[in-house]
Amino acid sequence: MPVLIYTENAEGKFKKSIFEAVSYARAIADQTNTSLVAISIGDVNADQLSALGKYGADKVLNVSNAKLKNFVNQAYASVIAAAAKKENASIVVLSNSFSGRGLAPRIGVKLEAGVADGAVSLPEISGDKFSVKKTAFSGKAFATVELTSANKVIALTPNSYKVVEKAAAGSVEDFTVENKESDFKAMIKEIVRSTDKVSLPDAEIVVSGGRGLKGPENWGMIEELADLLGAATACSKPVSDAGWRPHSEHVGQTGIAVSPNLYIAIGISGAIQHLAGVSSSKVIVVINKDPEAPFFKVADYGIVGDAFEVVPQLIAAVKEYKASA
């Protein structure tokens, strides 16, 4: 029984997090001595689809349907579940992205499967039992869940598994499913994406600012540092609530959860709601003039100092390093 991987696309292209998920699914397929089937929904060109084979997909199911051009949670879940049944796949893997977090439980219900969302490492397999390490309590802790059901759904946290290329190319075939009208009761009318910035959920480096920056007019140094590092920009909830920055940059428990390799927090005290959305970051650097700021308790590196003095020096140091590299 093969492993099925859902490969989410953004405007017809696959992001790095998807190649991570395909590599992860390939590793599970190797653990269970089976093949890997990928499913893509939406308008994706043939080159992109065949490229999935380079990361381990033996076969790619291409679902091209005008009604499914934009993401529809229930409809996509029905298609993925139908593909799993067609391929007799007992394991479904997907990225724990915004849409993945909505799809995983729905697919679980349709397949009567156990679900492990927020997975951060390969499962330990003993017979039909999978032990999966995952994030818990909004990213403040880790838990190990045991999936003992015949069917299993695993959603992988972005930036938690390496991309592994294979010297192969998967075959591509069309796959068609007739969705029920009930699948389209809730529809997304419009998706607006920032095309000139690094996507927050997929960013390997995030530079984030808080109320310590005193106002939107001071955000230039955040953006300059982010540009130098090839990073995404983010902010705390009070900043977005005040209208200093768009809500699309708000990270935290009620915003976007991120797990970059490096998270730089500037002028953010570190309230528990904010920490819940960033604690999965591999390295956290905090810049704050308050030595008692809660963020320092979880930081890997901390600088006690005024952001308006520290950040310009940091920018200058990065420029000097890049000039000499």
Protein backbone atom coordinates (compact mmCIF):
# COMPACT_ATOMS: atom_id res chain seq x y z
CA MET A 1 0.00 0.00 0.00
CA PRO A 2 1.67 3.26 -1.14
CA VAL A 3 2.08 6.53 0.73
CA LEU A 4 0.09 9.48 -0.68
CA ILE A 5 1.51 13.01 -0.47
CA TYR A 6 -0.64 16.08 -1.18
CA THR A 7 1.50 18.73 -2.92
CA GLU A 8 -0.06 22.11 -2.34
CA ASN A 9 0.83 24.80 -4.88
CA ALA A 10 0.80 28.58 -4.83
CA GLU A 11 -0.19 30.07 -8.16
CA GLY A 12 0.99 26.95 -9.98
CA LYS A 13 4.32 26.58 -8.19
CA PHE A 14 5.54 24.38 -5.36
CA LYS A 15 7.29 25.97 -2.40
CA LYS A 16 10.25 24.58 -0.49
CA SER A 17 7.94 23.30 2.28
CA ILE A 18 6.29 21.00 -0.26
CA PHE A 19 9.62 19.51 -1.34
CA GLU A 20 10.34 18.97 2.37
CA ALA A 21 7.03 17.14 2.72
CA VAL A 22 7.68 15.01 -0.39
CA SER A 23 11.14 14.09 0.93
CA TYR A 24 9.57 13.24 4.29
CA ALA A 25 6.88 11.10 2.66
CA ARG A 26 9.55 9.35 0.57
CA ALA A 27 11.41 8.46 3.76
CA ILE A 28 8.22 6.99 5.25
CA ALA A 29 7.63 5.03 2.04
CA ASP A 30 11.17 3.65 2.33
CA GLN A 31 10.57 2.75 5.98
CA THR A 32 7.47 0.80 5.01
CA ASN A 33 8.93 -0.68 1.79
CA THR A 34 6.35 0.85 -0.49
CA SER A 35 5.98 3.49 -3.22
CA LEU A 36 5.10 7.18 -3.06
CA VAL A 37 2.22 8.74 -4.98
CA ALA A 38 1.82 12.53 -5.13
CA ILE A 39 -1.42 14.36 -5.84
CA SER A 40 -1.57 17.92 -7.17
CA ILE A 41 -4.79 19.94 -7.39
CA GLY A 42 -5.05 23.04 -9.58
CA ASP A 43 -3.22 24.50 -12.55
CA VAL A 44 0.37 23.28 -12.38
CA ASN A 45 2.50 22.89 -15.51
CA ALA A 46 3.96 19.56 -16.56
CA ASP A 47 7.55 20.52 -15.68
CA GLN A 48 6.58 21.33 -12.10
CA LEU A 49 4.65 18.07 -11.77
CA SER A 50 7.43 15.89 -13.15
CA ALA A 51 9.91 17.67 -10.87
CA LEU A 52 8.21 16.02 -7.89
CA GLY A 53 9.90 12.81 -9.01
CA LYS A 54 13.26 14.37 -8.15
CA TYR A 55 12.21 14.34 -4.52
CA GLY A 56 10.89 10.79 -4.45
CA ALA A 57 7.43 10.65 -6.03
CA ASP A 58 7.02 7.52 -8.14
CA LYS A 59 3.77 8.76 -9.65
CA VAL A 60 1.92 12.08 -9.73
CA LEU A 61 -1.87 12.38 -9.94
CA ASN A 62 -2.81 15.66 -11.63
CA VAL A 63 -6.26 17.06 -10.79
CA SER A 64 -7.15 19.91 -13.14
CA ASN A 65 -10.67 21.20 -12.58
CA ALA A 66 -11.96 24.76 -13.03
CA LYS A 67 -14.04 24.49 -9.84
CA LEU A 68 -10.90 23.54 -7.91
CA LYS A 69 -8.66 26.30 -9.26
CA ASN A 70 -8.81 28.04 -5.88
CA PHE A 71 -8.53 26.22 -2.58
CA VAL A 72 -11.83 24.82 -1.25
CA ASN A 73 -11.27 22.97 2.01
CA GLN A 74 -14.01 20.36 1.90
CA ALA A 75 -13.72 19.75 -1.85
CA TYR A 76 -9.95 19.30 -1.70
CA ALA A 77 -10.31 16.90 1.24
CA SER A 78 -12.80 14.82 -0.76
CA VAL A 79 -10.43 14.63 -3.74
CA ILE A 80 -7.43 13.65 -1.63
CA ALA A 81 -9.44 11.01 0.24
CA ALA A 82 -10.72 9.63 -3.08
CA ALA A 83 -7.15 9.43 -4.39
CA ALA A 84 -6.06 7.58 -1.24
CA LYS A 85 -8.85 5.03 -1.74
CA LYS A 86 -8.07 4.65 -5.46
CA GLU A 87 -4.37 4.05 -4.77
CA ASN A 88 -5.12 1.94 -1.69
CA ALA A 89 -2.86 4.29 0.30
CA SER A 90 -3.03 3.85 4.06
CA ILE A 91 -0.75 6.81 4.85
CA VAL A 92 -1.46 10.38 3.72
CA VAL A 93 1.17 13.09 4.22
CA LEU A 94 0.77 16.84 3.73
CA SER A 95 2.44 20.05 4.84
CA ASN A 96 1.11 21.57 8.07
CA SER A 97 0.49 24.86 6.26
CA PHE A 98 -2.57 27.10 6.70
CA SER A 99 -4.57 24.93 4.28
CA GLY A 100 -2.94 21.71 5.51
CA ARG A 101 -4.19 22.35 9.05
CA GLY A 102 -7.72 22.50 7.69
CA LEU A 103 -7.35 19.49 5.40
CA ALA A 104 -5.75 17.00 7.81
CA PRO A 105 -8.75 16.48 10.15
CA ARG A 106 -11.22 16.38 7.25
CA ILE A 107 -9.17 13.74 5.43
CA GLY A 108 -8.88 11.87 8.72
CA VAL A 109 -12.66 11.71 9.07
CA LYS A 110 -13.18 10.60 5.47
CA LEU A 111 -10.59 7.82 5.78
CA GLU A 112 -11.37 6.96 9.43
CA ALA A 113 -7.70 7.67 10.08
CA GLY A 114 -5.64 8.73 13.05
CA VAL A 115 -4.19 12.22 12.60
CA ALA A 116 -0.86 13.68 13.72
CA ASP A 117 -0.60 17.35 12.77
CA GLY A 118 2.52 19.44 13.40
CA ALA A 119 4.92 16.50 13.01
CA VAL A 120 8.58 17.46 13.40
CA SER A 121 10.41 14.19 12.73
CA LEU A 122 10.02 10.81 11.07
CA PRO A 123 7.72 8.40 12.91
CA GLU A 124 9.02 5.43 14.81
CA ILE A 125 7.29 2.43 13.27
CA SER A 126 6.50 -0.80 15.06
CA GLY A 127 4.17 -3.00 13.03
CA ASP A 128 1.02 -0.95 12.37
CA LYS A 129 1.81 1.53 15.14
CA PHE A 130 3.37 4.90 14.29
CA SER A 131 4.84 7.03 17.09
CA VAL A 132 4.98 10.62 15.82
CA LYS A 133 6.71 13.53 17.58
CA LYS A 134 4.69 16.73 17.09
CA THR A 135 4.25 20.21 18.47
CA ALA A 136 1.70 20.66 21.28
CA PHE A 137 0.05 23.49 23.24
CA SER A 138 0.39 25.97 20.36
CA GLY A 139 4.06 25.11 19.89
CA LYS A 140 5.04 25.53 23.55
CA ALA A 141 5.87 21.83 23.95
CA PHE A 142 6.33 18.56 22.08
CA ALA A 143 4.20 15.45 22.33
CA THR A 144 4.53 11.94 20.98
CA VAL A 145 1.28 10.54 19.65
CA GLU A 146 0.65 6.93 18.69
CA LEU A 147 -1.33 6.23 15.54
CA THR A 148 -2.71 2.70 15.73
CA SER A 149 -5.50 2.98 13.15
CA ALA A 150 -5.21 1.23 9.78
CA ASN A 151 -5.14 4.58 7.98
CA LYS A 152 -2.96 7.49 9.08
CA VAL A 153 -2.70 11.20 8.24
CA ILE A 154 0.51 13.10 9.07
CA ALA A 155 0.99 16.85 8.55
CA LEU A 156 4.63 17.96 8.59
CA THR A 157 5.69 21.27 10.16
CA PRO A 158 7.54 23.42 7.57
CA ASN A 159 11.32 23.74 8.08
CA SER A 160 11.45 20.60 10.23
CA TYR A 161 12.73 18.14 7.61
CA LYS A 162 15.46 18.42 5.00
CA VAL A 163 14.91 18.43 1.24
CA VAL A 164 16.38 15.29 -0.32
CA GLU A 165 16.74 15.04 -4.09
CA LYS A 166 16.53 11.73 -5.93
CA ALA A 167 17.86 10.95 -9.39
CA ALA A 168 14.44 10.07 -10.73
CA ALA A 169 11.38 11.47 -12.49
CA GLY A 170 7.86 10.44 -11.57
CA SER A 171 5.22 9.62 -14.17
CA VAL A 172 2.23 11.98 -14.41
CA GLU A 173 -1.35 10.92 -14.99
CA ASP A 174 -4.67 12.77 -14.88
CA PHE A 175 -7.04 12.06 -12.02
CA THR A 176 -10.71 13.07 -12.02
CA VAL A 177 -13.21 13.08 -9.16
CA GLU A 178 -16.83 14.20 -9.24
CA ASN A 179 -17.29 16.40 -6.18
CA LYS A 180 -20.64 16.66 -4.42
CA GLU A 181 -22.38 20.03 -4.36
CA SER A 182 -22.11 19.96 -0.58
CA ASP A 183 -18.32 20.21 -0.97
CA PHE A 184 -18.75 23.79 -2.19
CA LYS A 185 -20.99 25.24 0.52
CA ALA A 186 -18.08 27.32 1.84
CA MET A 187 -16.01 29.04 -0.82
CA ILE A 188 -13.01 31.38 -0.78
CA LYS A 189 -13.94 34.43 -2.84
CA GLU A 190 -10.48 35.92 -3.17
CA ILE A 191 -6.86 35.17 -2.26
CA VAL A 192 -4.46 38.11 -2.07
CA ARG A 193 -0.78 37.19 -1.86
CA SER A 194 2.23 39.43 -1.28
CA THR A 195 4.33 38.79 -4.36
CA ASP A 196 7.25 41.07 -3.46
CA LYS A 197 8.09 39.51 -0.12
CA VAL A 198 9.31 36.22 1.31
CA SER A 199 6.31 34.15 2.44
CA LEU A 200 6.14 34.02 6.25
CA PRO A 201 5.15 30.35 6.64
CA ASP A 202 7.98 29.25 4.34
CA ALA A 203 10.65 31.70 5.45
CA GLU A 204 13.91 30.31 6.79
CA ILE A 205 14.70 33.64 8.45
CA VAL A 206 12.16 36.02 10.02
CA VAL A 207 12.85 39.53 11.31
CA SER A 208 10.03 40.67 13.58
CA GLY A 209 9.27 43.96 15.31
CA GLY A 210 7.13 44.99 18.25
CA ARG A 211 5.92 48.09 20.08
CA GLY A 212 9.49 48.87 21.06
CA LEU A 213 9.89 50.39 17.59
CA LYS A 214 7.51 53.18 18.72
CA GLY A 215 5.77 53.66 15.38
CA PRO A 216 5.38 52.58 11.72
CA GLU A 217 7.80 55.28 10.61
CA ASN A 218 10.65 53.29 12.17
CA TRP A 219 10.03 50.08 10.25
CA GLY A 220 12.59 50.92 7.59
CA MET A 221 15.42 49.33 9.56
CA ILE A 222 13.40 46.13 10.03
CA GLU A 223 12.83 45.90 6.29
CA GLU A 224 16.45 46.76 5.49
CA LEU A 225 17.77 44.05 7.81
CA ALA A 226 15.27 41.55 6.37
CA ASP A 227 16.30 42.40 2.79
CA LEU A 228 19.98 41.92 3.64
CA LEU A 229 19.28 38.52 5.21
CA GLY A 230 16.76 37.36 2.59
CA ALA A 231 14.20 37.20 5.39
CA ALA A 232 10.48 37.72 5.82
CA THR A 233 9.20 40.57 7.99
CA ALA A 234 6.75 40.00 10.82
CA CYS A 235 5.28 41.77 13.82
CA SER A 236 3.55 41.23 17.16
CA LYS A 237 -0.24 41.44 17.56
CA PRO A 238 -0.30 44.92 19.19
CA VAL A 239 1.60 46.28 16.19
CA SER A 240 -0.88 44.90 13.65
CA ASP A 241 -3.84 45.92 15.85
CA ALA A 242 -2.48 49.48 15.91
CA GLY A 243 -2.31 49.49 12.13
CA TRP A 244 1.45 49.92 12.00
CA ARG A 245 1.81 46.74 9.93
CA PRO A 246 -0.68 44.56 7.99
CA HIS A 247 -2.35 41.66 9.80
CA SER A 248 -0.72 39.31 7.28
CA GLU A 249 2.57 39.91 9.18
CA HIS A 250 1.16 39.13 12.63
CA VAL A 251 2.81 36.05 14.12
CA GLY A 252 1.66 34.38 17.31
CA GLN A 253 -1.09 32.21 18.73
CA THR A 254 -3.85 34.17 16.97
CA GLY A 255 -1.76 34.98 13.91
CA ILE A 256 0.61 32.97 11.75
CA ALA A 257 2.69 30.22 13.37
CA VAL A 258 6.24 30.14 12.03
CA SER A 259 9.16 27.74 12.44
CA PRO A 260 12.13 29.36 10.70
CA ASN A 261 15.77 28.44 11.16
CA LEU A 262 16.33 31.93 12.61
CA TYR A 263 13.80 34.25 14.30
CA ILE A 264 14.98 37.76 15.24
CA ALA A 265 12.65 39.57 17.64
CA ILE A 266 13.24 43.31 17.93
CA GLY A 267 11.42 45.34 20.56
CA ILE A 268 9.03 42.49 21.43
CA SER A 269 8.51 41.67 25.11
CA GLY A 270 7.52 38.06 24.45
CA ALA A 271 3.99 37.59 25.73
CA ILE A 272 2.93 33.95 25.89
CA GLN A 273 0.53 34.41 22.96
CA HIS A 274 3.41 35.57 20.77
CA LEU A 275 5.75 32.82 21.95
CA ALA A 276 3.14 30.22 21.07
CA GLY A 277 3.50 31.08 17.40
CA VAL A 278 7.30 31.28 17.20
CA SER A 279 8.66 28.77 19.73
CA SER A 280 9.27 26.16 17.02
CA SER A 281 12.00 28.37 15.56
CA LYS A 282 15.37 26.62 15.59
CA VAL A 283 17.30 29.71 16.80
CA ILE A 284 15.74 32.76 18.48
CA VAL A 285 17.59 36.07 18.80
CA VAL A 286 16.05 38.80 20.99
CA ILE A 287 16.93 42.50 20.98
CA ASN A 288 15.24 44.42 23.81
CA LYS A 289 16.28 47.20 26.18
CA ASP A 290 14.35 45.58 29.07
CA PRO A 291 16.57 42.88 30.63
CA GLU A 292 13.47 41.40 32.32
CA ALA A 293 11.57 40.88 29.05
CA PRO A 294 10.05 37.34 29.06
CA PHE A 295 11.48 36.68 25.59
CA PHE A 296 15.00 36.41 27.02
CA LYS A 297 13.97 33.26 28.93
CA VAL A 298 13.45 31.32 25.68
CA ALA A 299 16.03 33.07 23.50
CA ASP A 300 19.13 31.30 22.25
CA TYR A 301 20.89 34.67 21.99
CA GLY A 302 19.91 37.97 23.59
CA ILE A 303 21.07 41.56 23.26
CA VAL A 304 20.03 43.98 26.01
CA GLY A 305 20.04 47.36 24.30
CA ASP A 306 18.06 50.02 22.49
CA ALA A 307 16.87 48.71 19.11
CA PHE A 308 17.61 52.12 17.55
CA GLU A 309 21.26 51.69 18.47
CA VAL A 310 21.67 47.92 18.05
CA VAL A 311 19.88 47.30 14.75
CA PRO A 312 21.79 49.92 12.70
CA GLN A 313 25.05 48.38 13.95
CA LEU A 314 23.77 44.94 13.02
CA ILE A 315 22.84 46.20 9.54
CA ALA A 316 26.30 47.70 9.11
CA ALA A 317 27.94 44.44 10.24
CA VAL A 318 25.89 42.39 7.76
CA LYS A 319 26.76 44.79 4.93
CA GLU A 320 30.45 44.60 5.80
CA TYR A 321 30.33 40.81 5.90
CA LYS A 322 28.54 40.56 2.55
CA ALA A 323 30.96 43.00 0.96
CA SER A 324 33.95 40.91 2.03
CA ALA A 325 32.41 37.50 1.24
